[in-house]
PDB file of N, CA and C in Angstrom:
ATOM      1  N   MET A   1      91.757  91.468  87.666  1.00  0.00           N
ATOM      2  CA  MET A   1      90.806  90.384  87.851  1.00  0.00           C
ATOM      3  C   MET A   1      89.605  90.926  88.606  1.00  0.00           C
ATOM      4  N   ALA A   2      88.439  90.733  88.065  1.00  0.00           N
ATOM      5  CA  ALA A   2      87.196  91.220  88.662  1.00  0.00           C
ATOM      6  C   ALA A   2      86.757  90.322  89.817  1.00  0.00           C
ATOM      7  N   MET A   3      85.862  90.871  90.615  1.00  0.00           N
ATOM      8  CA  MET A   3      85.332  90.131  91.761  1.00  0.00           C
ATOM      9  C   MET A   3      83.880  89.759  91.463  1.00  0.00           C
ATOM     10  N   ASP A   4      83.523  88.523  91.697  1.00  0.00           N
ATOM     11  CA  ASP A   4      82.182  88.023  91.436  1.00  0.00           C
ATOM     12  C   ASP A   4      81.174  88.598  92.437  1.00  0.00           C
ATOM     13  N   ALA A   5      79.984  88.939  91.972  1.00  0.00           N
ATOM     14  CA  ALA A   5      78.943  89.511  92.836  1.00  0.00           C
ATOM     15  C   ALA A   5      78.580  88.568  93.979  1.00  0.00           C
ATOM     16  N   HIS A   6      78.560  87.281  93.703  1.00  0.00           N
ATOM     17  CA  HIS A   6      78.226  86.318  94.761  1.00  0.00           C
ATOM     18  C   HIS A   6      79.298  86.305  95.855  1.00  0.00           C
ATOM     19  N   GLU A   7      80.550  86.495  95.465  1.00  0.00           N
ATOM     20  CA  GLU A   7      81.641  86.555  96.446  1.00  0.00           C
ATOM     21  C   GLU A   7      81.520  87.810  97.300  1.00  0.00           C
ATOM     22  N   ILE A   8      81.150  88.927  96.689  1.00  0.00           N
ATOM     23  CA  ILE A   8      80.935  90.170  97.447  1.00  0.00           C
ATOM     24  C   ILE A   8      79.837  89.941  98.475  1.00  0.00           C
ATOM     25  N   GLU A   9      78.726  89.382  98.042  1.00  0.00           N
ATOM     26  CA  GLU A   9      77.600  89.110  98.948  1.00  0.00           C
ATOM     27  C   GLU A   9      78.016  88.157 100.064  1.00  0.00           C
ATOM     28  N   ARG A  10      78.759  87.106  99.723  1.00  0.00           N
ATOM     29  CA  ARG A  10      79.183  86.126 100.720  1.00  0.00           C
ATOM     30  C   ARG A  10      80.058  86.777 101.787  1.00  0.00           C
ATOM     31  N   MET A  11      80.975  87.630 101.372  1.00  0.00           N
ATOM     32  CA  MET A  11      81.878  88.278 102.331  1.00  0.00           C
ATOM     33  C   MET A  11      81.120  89.242 103.245  1.00  0.00           C
ATOM     34  N   ILE A  12      80.170  89.982 102.689  1.00  0.00           N
ATOM     35  CA  ILE A  12      79.390  90.915 103.510  1.00  0.00           C
ATOM     36  C   ILE A  12      78.552  90.138 104.520  1.00  0.00           C
ATOM     37  N   LYS A  13      77.909  89.059 104.070  1.00  0.00           N
ATOM     38  CA  LYS A  13      77.070  88.265 104.973  1.00  0.00           C
ATOM     39  C   LYS A  13      77.908  87.525 106.020  1.00  0.00           C
ATOM     40  N   ALA A  14      79.133  87.207 105.704  1.00  0.00           N
ATOM     41  CA  ALA A  14      80.002  86.559 106.694  1.00  0.00           C
ATOM     42  C   ALA A  14      80.286  87.511 107.848  1.00  0.00           C
ATOM     43  N   ALA A  15      80.432  88.802 107.537  1.00  0.00           N
ATOM     44  CA  ALA A  15      80.727  89.799 108.572  1.00  0.00           C
ATOM     45  C   ALA A  15      79.463  90.340 109.226  1.00  0.00           C
ATOM     46  N   LEU A  16      78.372  90.383 108.467  1.00  0.00           N
ATOM     47  CA  LEU A  16      77.100  90.919 108.955  1.00  0.00           C
ATOM     48  C   LEU A  16      76.021  89.862 108.679  1.00  0.00           C
ATOM     49  N   PRO A  17      75.944  88.829 109.528  1.00  0.00           N
ATOM     50  CA  PRO A  17      75.086  87.681 109.224  1.00  0.00           C
ATOM     51  C   PRO A  17      73.606  88.000 109.024  1.00  0.00           C
ATOM     52  N   ASP A  18      73.121  89.081 109.636  1.00  0.00           N
ATOM     53  CA  ASP A  18      71.697  89.402 109.475  1.00  0.00           C
ATOM     54  C   ASP A  18      71.432  90.245 108.225  1.00  0.00           C
ATOM     55  N   ALA A  19      72.478  90.596 107.507  1.00  0.00           N
ATOM     56  CA  ALA A  19      72.349  91.550 106.404  1.00  0.00           C
ATOM     57  C   ALA A  19      71.540  90.992 105.239  1.00  0.00           C
ATOM     58  N   THR A  20      70.770  91.901 104.657  1.00  0.00           N
ATOM     59  CA  THR A  20      70.162  91.668 103.361  1.00  0.00           C
ATOM     60  C   THR A  20      71.037  92.419 102.362  1.00  0.00           C
ATOM     61  N   VAL A  21      71.506  91.726 101.347  1.00  0.00           N
ATOM     62  CA  VAL A  21      72.451  92.317 100.403  1.00  0.00           C
ATOM     63  C   VAL A  21      71.889  92.200  98.992  1.00  0.00           C
ATOM     64  N   GLU A  22      71.781  93.338  98.336  1.00  0.00           N
ATOM     65  CA  GLU A  22      71.352  93.362  96.935  1.00  0.00           C
ATOM     66  C   GLU A  22      72.487  93.973  96.126  1.00  0.00           C
ATOM     67  N   ILE A  23      72.934  93.247  95.124  1.00  0.00           N
ATOM     68  CA  ILE A  23      74.067  93.716  94.320  1.00  0.00           C
ATOM     69  C   ILE A  23      73.652  93.784  92.856  1.00  0.00           C
ATOM     70  N   ARG A  24      73.996  94.903  92.224  1.00  0.00           N
ATOM     71  CA  ARG A  24      73.742  95.090  90.796  1.00  0.00           C
ATOM     72  C   ARG A  24      75.064  95.342  90.088  1.00  0.00           C
ATOM     73  N   ASP A  25      75.250  94.686  88.959  1.00  0.00           N
ATOM     74  CA  ASP A  25      76.439  94.909  88.130  1.00  0.00           C
ATOM     75  C   ASP A  25      76.111  96.099  87.228  1.00  0.00           C
ATOM     76  N   LEU A  26      76.715  97.237  87.490  1.00  0.00           N
ATOM     77  CA  LEU A  26      76.330  98.479  86.821  1.00  0.00           C
ATOM     78  C   LEU A  26      76.745  98.550  85.359  1.00  0.00           C
ATOM     79  N   ALA A  27      77.865  97.951  85.018  1.00  0.00           N
ATOM     80  CA  ALA A  27      78.377  98.092  83.657  1.00  0.00           C
ATOM     81  C   ALA A  27      78.410  96.773  82.893  1.00  0.00           C
ATOM     82  N   GLY A  28      78.015  95.696  83.538  1.00  0.00           N
ATOM     83  CA  GLY A  28      78.047  94.398  82.880  1.00  0.00           C
ATOM     84  C   GLY A  28      79.447  93.844  82.706  1.00  0.00           C
ATOM     85  N   ASP A  29      80.400  94.460  83.399  1.00  0.00           N
ATOM     86  CA  ASP A  29      81.784  94.029  83.247  1.00  0.00           C
ATOM     87  C   ASP A  29      82.316  93.272  84.462  1.00  0.00           C
ATOM     88  N   GLY A  30      81.439  93.068  85.469  1.00  0.00           N
ATOM     89  CA  GLY A  30      81.876  92.371  86.665  1.00  0.00           C
ATOM     90  C   GLY A  30      82.882  93.153  87.475  1.00  0.00           C
ATOM     91  N   ASP A  31      82.949  94.453  87.251  1.00  0.00           N
ATOM     92  CA  ASP A  31      83.950  95.268  87.935  1.00  0.00           C
ATOM     93  C   ASP A  31      83.377  96.550  88.551  1.00  0.00           C
ATOM     94  N   HIS A  32      82.133  96.874  88.200  1.00  0.00           N
ATOM     95  CA  HIS A  32      81.490  98.081  88.711  1.00  0.00           C
ATOM     96  C   HIS A  32      80.129  97.684  89.264  1.00  0.00           C
ATOM     97  N   TYR A  33      80.019  97.708  90.586  1.00  0.00           N
ATOM     98  CA  TYR A  33      78.807  97.233  91.235  1.00  0.00           C
ATOM     99  C   TYR A  33      78.154  98.336  92.060  1.00  0.00           C
ATOM    100  N   ALA A  34      76.860  98.141  92.325  1.00  0.00           N
ATOM    101  CA  ALA A  34      76.137  98.916  93.336  1.00  0.00           C
ATOM    102  C   ALA A  34      75.601  97.899  94.324  1.00  0.00           C
ATOM    103  N   ALA A  35      75.711  98.206  95.596  1.00  0.00           N
ATOM    104  CA  ALA A  35      75.219  97.299  96.625  1.00  0.00           C
ATOM    105  C   ALA A  35      74.353  98.062  97.611  1.00  0.00           C
ATOM    106  N   THR A  36      73.256  97.439  97.987  1.00  0.00           N
ATOM    107  CA  THR A  36      72.418  97.938  99.070  1.00  0.00           C
ATOM    108  C   THR A  36      72.501  96.913 100.179  1.00  0.00           C
ATOM    109  N   VAL A  37      72.972  97.345 101.339  1.00  0.00           N
ATOM    110  CA  VAL A  37      73.151  96.451 102.482  1.00  0.00           C
ATOM    111  C   VAL A  37      72.272  96.955 103.615  1.00  0.00           C
ATOM    112  N   THR A  38      71.384  96.088 104.072  1.00  0.00           N
ATOM    113  CA  THR A  38      70.482  96.411 105.174  1.00  0.00           C
ATOM    114  C   THR A  38      70.828  95.508 106.343  1.00  0.00           C
ATOM    115  N   SER A  39      71.098  96.122 107.507  1.00  0.00           N
ATOM    116  CA  SER A  39      71.496  95.329 108.676  1.00  0.00           C
ATOM    117  C   SER A  39      71.165  96.067 109.963  1.00  0.00           C
ATOM    118  N   ALA A  40      70.702  95.331 110.959  1.00  0.00           N
ATOM    119  CA  ALA A  40      70.468  95.902 112.289  1.00  0.00           C
ATOM    120  C   ALA A  40      71.786  96.292 112.947  1.00  0.00           C
ATOM    121  N   ALA A  41      72.898  95.732 112.488  1.00  0.00           N
ATOM    122  CA  ALA A  41      74.214  96.063 113.042  1.00  0.00           C
ATOM    123  C   ALA A  41      74.580  97.524 112.784  1.00  0.00           C
ATOM    124  N   PHE A  42      73.868  98.186 111.884  1.00  0.00           N
ATOM    125  CA  PHE A  42      74.140  99.592 111.578  1.00  0.00           C
ATOM    126  C   PHE A  42      73.489 100.537 112.583  1.00  0.00           C
ATOM    127  N   ARG A  43      72.638 100.002 113.442  1.00  0.00           N
ATOM    128  CA  ARG A  43      71.918 100.847 114.413  1.00  0.00           C
ATOM    129  C   ARG A  43      72.922 101.618 115.280  1.00  0.00           C
ATOM    130  N   GLY A  44      72.703 102.927 115.392  1.00  0.00           N
ATOM    131  CA  GLY A  44      73.565 103.780 116.202  1.00  0.00           C
ATOM    132  C   GLY A  44      74.855 104.200 115.522  1.00  0.00           C
ATOM    133  N   LYS A  45      75.068 103.750 114.312  1.00  0.00           N
ATOM    134  CA  LYS A  45      76.290 104.080 113.564  1.00  0.00           C
ATOM    135  C   LYS A  45      75.989 105.195 112.557  1.00  0.00           C
ATOM    136  N   SER A  46      76.979 106.042 112.327  1.00  0.00           N
ATOM    137  CA  SER A  46      76.834 107.055 111.286  1.00  0.00           C
ATOM    138  C   SER A  46      76.905 106.368 109.921  1.00  0.00           C
ATOM    139  N   ARG A  47      76.505 107.089 108.890  1.00  0.00           N
ATOM    140  CA  ARG A  47      76.560 106.528 107.534  1.00  0.00           C
ATOM    141  C   ARG A  47      78.014 106.158 107.187  1.00  0.00           C
ATOM    142  N   VAL A  48      78.959 106.977 107.580  1.00  0.00           N
ATOM    143  CA  VAL A  48      80.373 106.673 107.311  1.00  0.00           C
ATOM    144  C   VAL A  48      80.778 105.382 108.030  1.00  0.00           C
ATOM    145  N   GLN A  49      80.383 105.239 109.280  1.00  0.00           N
ATOM    146  CA  GLN A  49      80.716 104.027 110.041  1.00  0.00           C
ATOM    147  C   GLN A  49      80.058 102.796 109.409  1.00  0.00           C
ATOM    148  N   GLN A  50      78.831 102.951 108.920  1.00  0.00           N
ATOM    149  CA  GLN A  50      78.154 101.832 108.255  1.00  0.00           C
ATOM    150  C   GLN A  50      78.932 101.396 107.020  1.00  0.00           C
ATOM    151  N   HIS A  51      79.375 102.367 106.236  1.00  0.00           N
ATOM    152  CA  HIS A  51      80.131 102.037 105.025  1.00  0.00           C
ATOM    153  C   HIS A  51      81.477 101.407 105.391  1.00  0.00           C
ATOM    154  N   GLN A  52      82.095 101.902 106.449  1.00  0.00           N
ATOM    155  CA  GLN A  52      83.361 101.313 106.892  1.00  0.00           C
ATOM    156  C   GLN A  52      83.171  99.856 107.301  1.00  0.00           C
ATOM    157  N   MET A  53      82.042  99.539 107.915  1.00  0.00           N
ATOM    158  CA  MET A  53      81.760  98.156 108.301  1.00  0.00           C
ATOM    159  C   MET A  53      81.671  97.257 107.071  1.00  0.00           C
ATOM    160  N   VAL A  54      81.035  97.761 106.026  1.00  0.00           N
ATOM    161  CA  VAL A  54      80.914  96.964 104.792  1.00  0.00           C
ATOM    162  C   VAL A  54      82.286  96.825 104.131  1.00  0.00           C
ATOM    163  N   TYR A  55      83.027  97.917 104.057  1.00  0.00           N
ATOM    164  CA  TYR A  55      84.368  97.838 103.444  1.00  0.00           C
ATOM    165  C   TYR A  55      85.270  96.891 104.235  1.00  0.00           C
ATOM    166  N   ALA A  56      85.145  96.902 105.562  1.00  0.00           N
ATOM    167  CA  ALA A  56      85.934  95.981 106.388  1.00  0.00           C
ATOM    168  C   ALA A  56      85.571  94.533 106.062  1.00  0.00           C
ATOM    169  N   ALA A  57      84.293  94.297 105.799  1.00  0.00           N
ATOM    170  CA  ALA A  57      83.838  92.945 105.448  1.00  0.00           C
ATOM    171  C   ALA A  57      84.493  92.457 104.159  1.00  0.00           C
ATOM    172  N   LEU A  58      84.860  93.392 103.303  1.00  0.00           N
ATOM    173  CA  LEU A  58      85.473  93.023 102.018  1.00  0.00           C
ATOM    174  C   LEU A  58      86.971  92.773 102.135  1.00  0.00           C
ATOM    175  N   LYS A  59      87.500  92.928 103.325  1.00  0.00           N
ATOM    176  CA  LYS A  59      88.863  92.529 103.670  1.00  0.00           C
ATOM    177  C   LYS A  59      89.934  93.004 102.691  1.00  0.00           C
ATOM    178  N   GLY A  60      89.905  94.301 102.407  1.00  0.00           N
ATOM    179  CA  GLY A  60      90.948  94.885 101.583  1.00  0.00           C
ATOM    180  C   GLY A  60      90.773  94.724 100.088  1.00  0.00           C
ATOM    181  N   ASN A  61      89.702  94.082  99.662  1.00  0.00           N
ATOM    182  CA  ASN A  61      89.491  93.904  98.222  1.00  0.00           C
ATOM    183  C   ASN A  61      88.987  95.177  97.542  1.00  0.00           C
ATOM    184  N   MET A  62      88.378  96.084  98.330  1.00  0.00           N
ATOM    185  CA  MET A  62      87.867  97.333  97.755  1.00  0.00           C
ATOM    186  C   MET A  62      89.041  98.175  97.289  1.00  0.00           C
ATOM    187  N   GLY A  63      88.971  98.615  96.037  1.00  0.00           N
ATOM    188  CA  GLY A  63      90.061  99.409  95.473  1.00  0.00           C
ATOM    189  C   GLY A  63      91.160  98.554  94.875  1.00  0.00           C
ATOM    190  N   GLY A  64      91.058  97.264  95.047  1.00  0.00           N
ATOM    191  CA  GLY A  64      92.028  96.347  94.453  1.00  0.00           C
ATOM    192  C   GLY A  64      91.310  95.436  93.474  1.00  0.00           C
ATOM    193  N   VAL A  65      90.973  94.245  93.961  1.00  0.00           N
ATOM    194  CA  VAL A  65      90.236  93.286  93.131  1.00  0.00           C
ATOM    195  C   VAL A  65      88.864  93.848  92.760  1.00  0.00           C
ATOM    196  N   LEU A  66      88.242  94.531  93.710  1.00  0.00           N
ATOM    197  CA  LEU A  66      86.942  95.159  93.469  1.00  0.00           C
ATOM    198  C   LEU A  66      87.187  96.623  93.136  1.00  0.00           C
ATOM    199  N   HIS A  67      86.943  96.984  91.895  1.00  0.00           N
ATOM    200  CA  HIS A  67      87.283  98.330  91.418  1.00  0.00           C
ATOM    201  C   HIS A  67      86.326  99.397  91.945  1.00  0.00           C
ATOM    202  N   ALA A  68      85.005  99.160  91.822  1.00  0.00           N
ATOM    203  CA  ALA A  68      84.045 100.204  92.187  1.00  0.00           C
ATOM    204  C   ALA A  68      82.805  99.589  92.816  1.00  0.00           C
ATOM    205  N   LEU A  69      82.383 100.177  93.929  1.00  0.00           N
ATOM    206  CA  LEU A  69      81.179  99.713  94.612  1.00  0.00           C
ATOM    207  C   LEU A  69      80.424 100.943  95.107  1.00  0.00           C
ATOM    208  N   ALA A  70      79.300 101.241  94.453  1.00  0.00           N
ATOM    209  CA  ALA A  70      78.422 102.313  94.917  1.00  0.00           C
ATOM    210  C   ALA A  70      77.587 101.717  96.047  1.00  0.00           C
ATOM    211  N   LEU A  71      77.777 102.223  97.241  1.00  0.00           N
ATOM    212  CA  LEU A  71      77.227 101.573  98.425  1.00  0.00           C
ATOM    213  C   LEU A  71      76.086 102.377  99.041  1.00  0.00           C
ATOM    214  N   THR A  72      75.010 101.670  99.352  1.00  0.00           N
ATOM    215  CA  THR A  72      73.894 102.232 100.101  1.00  0.00           C
ATOM    216  C   THR A  72      73.683 101.329 101.301  1.00  0.00           C
ATOM    217  N   THR A  73      73.604 101.929 102.485  1.00  0.00           N
ATOM    218  CA  THR A  73      73.351 101.142 103.692  1.00  0.00           C
ATOM    219  C   THR A  73      72.063 101.630 104.336  1.00  0.00           C
ATOM    220  N   ALA A  74      71.412 100.717 105.056  1.00  0.00           N
ATOM    221  CA  ALA A  74      70.143 101.060 105.692  1.00  0.00           C
ATOM    222  C   ALA A  74      69.890 100.137 106.871  1.00  0.00           C
ATOM    223  N   LEU A  75      69.024 100.607 107.748  1.00  0.00           N
ATOM    224  CA  LEU A  75      68.528  99.786 108.855  1.00  0.00           C
ATOM    225  C   LEU A  75      67.267  99.070 108.390  1.00  0.00           C
ATOM    226  N   PRO A  76      67.018  97.876 108.906  1.00  0.00           N
ATOM    227  CA  PRO A  76      65.779  97.187 108.533  1.00  0.00           C
ATOM    228  C   PRO A  76      64.572  97.962 109.057  1.00  0.00           C
ATOM    229  N   GLN A  77      63.475  97.879 108.323  1.00  0.00           N
ATOM    230  CA  GLN A  77      62.223  98.497 108.763  1.00  0.00           C
ATOM    231  C   GLN A  77      61.612  97.635 109.842  1.00  0.00           C
ATOM    232  N   ASP A  78      61.142  98.246 110.905  1.00  0.00           N
ATOM    233  CA  ASP A  78      60.517  97.482 111.993  1.00  0.00           C
ATOM    234  C   ASP A  78      59.079  97.150 111.671  1.00  0.00           C
TER     235      ASP A  78
END
């Protein structure tokens, strides 16, 4: 069962309320997404830690219900 892009965005924003989330369905199958997440909460975190924060927001769905997510994280521009 695939995961809806809006549900992915909702879960990320629930964990990172200031986040800007852009999600693209890469294959049109609702199962392979790319996400760009921009949040001030990433300040001082390594890229790995930033990605872990996003994966934590998905509450175990990554690798299960959500098959593939190409993730890009960034800090907001001042």
